[in-house]
Amino acid sequence: MKITKEQITTGWSFRRVLSILFGGIILYKAAITQEVVSAIFGVALVAMGVLNIDCTGGCCGGSCNR
């Protein structure tokens, strides 16, 4: 999967912003408590928000035909 500038800068929705916000909160808490599993989950949420990856439709992994 090639990541382009257009993929990051266009198509912003409430879900994307919420994903980045919650991921940031989880990363902050994981840094304070030094929990690795929470940090991985936080990074995944932030990455999904920034890169506009949506796994709610059952097509995670780039196998969607959108």
C-alpha atoms as a PDB file:
ATOM      1  CA  MET A   1       0.000   0.000   0.000  1.00  0.00           C
ATOM      2  CA  LYS A   2       1.495   3.275  -1.109  1.00  0.00           C
ATOM      3  CA  ILE A   3       0.743   6.244   1.135  1.00  0.00           C
ATOM      4  CA  THR A   4       0.216   9.513  -0.688  1.00  0.00           C
ATOM      5  CA  LYS A   5      -0.081  13.108   0.458  1.00  0.00           C
ATOM      6  CA  GLU A   6      -3.672  13.181  -0.790  1.00  0.00           C
ATOM      7  CA  GLN A   7      -4.568  10.201   1.389  1.00  0.00           C
ATOM      8  CA  ILE A   8      -3.432  12.084   4.489  1.00  0.00           C
ATOM      9  CA  THR A   9      -4.740  15.557   3.653  1.00  0.00           C
ATOM     10  CA  THR A  10      -8.183  14.764   2.211  1.00  0.00           C
ATOM     11  CA  GLY A  11     -11.285  13.010   3.476  1.00  0.00           C
ATOM     12  CA  TRP A  12     -11.143  14.160   7.086  1.00  0.00           C
ATOM     13  CA  SER A  13     -14.163  13.087   9.085  1.00  0.00           C
ATOM     14  CA  PHE A  14     -15.260  13.079  12.695  1.00  0.00           C
ATOM     15  CA  ARG A  15     -14.192   9.429  12.971  1.00  0.00           C
ATOM     16  CA  ARG A  16     -10.633  10.244  11.896  1.00  0.00           C
ATOM     17  CA  VAL A  17     -10.298  13.105  14.359  1.00  0.00           C
ATOM     18  CA  LEU A  18     -11.798  11.001  17.151  1.00  0.00           C
ATOM     19  CA  SER A  19      -9.431   8.128  16.379  1.00  0.00           C
ATOM     20  CA  ILE A  20      -6.398  10.412  16.592  1.00  0.00           C
ATOM     21  CA  LEU A  21      -7.694  12.025  19.782  1.00  0.00           C
ATOM     22  CA  PHE A  22      -8.365   8.726  21.558  1.00  0.00           C
ATOM     23  CA  GLY A  23      -5.104   7.251  20.291  1.00  0.00           C
ATOM     24  CA  GLY A  24      -3.219  10.257  21.665  1.00  0.00           C
ATOM     25  CA  ILE A  25      -4.903   9.904  25.049  1.00  0.00           C
ATOM     26  CA  ILE A  26      -4.075   6.196  25.152  1.00  0.00           C
ATOM     27  CA  LEU A  27      -0.453   6.913  24.167  1.00  0.00           C
ATOM     28  CA  TYR A  28      -0.174   9.545  26.902  1.00  0.00           C
ATOM     29  CA  LYS A  29      -1.537   7.155  29.555  1.00  0.00           C
ATOM     30  CA  ALA A  30       0.686   4.346  28.267  1.00  0.00           C
ATOM     31  CA  ALA A  31       3.749   6.577  28.553  1.00  0.00           C
ATOM     32  CA  ILE A  32       2.897   7.491  32.141  1.00  0.00           C
ATOM     33  CA  THR A  33       2.196   3.895  33.220  1.00  0.00           C
ATOM     34  CA  GLN A  34       4.841   2.380  30.912  1.00  0.00           C
ATOM     35  CA  GLU A  35       2.439  -0.162  29.413  1.00  0.00           C
ATOM     36  CA  VAL A  36       3.654  -1.539  26.096  1.00  0.00           C
ATOM     37  CA  VAL A  37       0.384  -3.142  24.975  1.00  0.00           C
ATOM     38  CA  SER A  38      -1.546   0.089  25.495  1.00  0.00           C
ATOM     39  CA  ALA A  39       1.132   2.001  23.590  1.00  0.00           C
ATOM     40  CA  ILE A  40       0.822  -0.361  20.623  1.00  0.00           C
ATOM     41  CA  PHE A  41      -2.967   0.082  20.639  1.00  0.00           C
ATOM     42  CA  GLY A  42      -2.550   3.869  20.813  1.00  0.00           C
ATOM     43  CA  VAL A  43      -0.111   3.892  17.913  1.00  0.00           C
ATOM     44  CA  ALA A  44      -2.508   1.759  15.883  1.00  0.00           C
ATOM     45  CA  LEU A  45      -5.397   4.158  16.515  1.00  0.00           C
ATOM     46  CA  VAL A  46      -3.341   7.228  15.633  1.00  0.00           C
ATOM     47  CA  ALA A  47      -2.005   5.560  12.484  1.00  0.00           C
ATOM     48  CA  MET A  48      -5.514   4.541  11.403  1.00  0.00           C
ATOM     49  CA  GLY A  49      -6.683   8.113  11.844  1.00  0.00           C
ATOM     50  CA  VAL A  50      -3.770   9.765  10.068  1.00  0.00           C
ATOM     51  CA  LEU A  51      -3.626   7.311   7.175  1.00  0.00           C
ATOM     52  CA  ASN A  52      -7.419   7.044   6.837  1.00  0.00           C
ATOM     53  CA  ILE A  53      -7.482   3.272   7.332  1.00  0.00           C
ATOM     54  CA  ASP A  54     -10.973   2.051   8.213  1.00  0.00           C
ATOM     55  CA  CYS A  55     -11.385  -1.434   9.656  1.00  0.00           C
ATOM     56  CA  THR A  56     -15.074  -1.117  10.526  1.00  0.00           C
ATOM     57  CA  GLY A  57     -16.363  -2.497   7.240  1.00  0.00           C
ATOM     58  CA  GLY A  58     -14.596  -5.843   7.415  1.00  0.00           C
ATOM     59  CA  CYS A  59     -11.996  -4.939   4.798  1.00  0.00           C
ATOM     60  CA  CYS A  60      -8.935  -4.313   6.904  1.00  0.00           C
ATOM     61  CA  GLY A  61      -5.623  -4.937   5.207  1.00  0.00           C
ATOM     62  CA  GLY A  62      -6.327  -3.139   1.980  1.00  0.00           C
ATOM     63  CA  SER A  63      -8.480  -5.842   0.402  1.00  0.00           C
ATOM     64  CA  CYS A  64     -11.440  -3.474  -0.184  1.00  0.00           C
ATOM     65  CA  ASN A  65     -12.599  -2.546  -3.638  1.00  0.00           C
ATOM     66  CA  ARG A  66     -13.627   1.051  -3.021  1.00  0.00           C
END
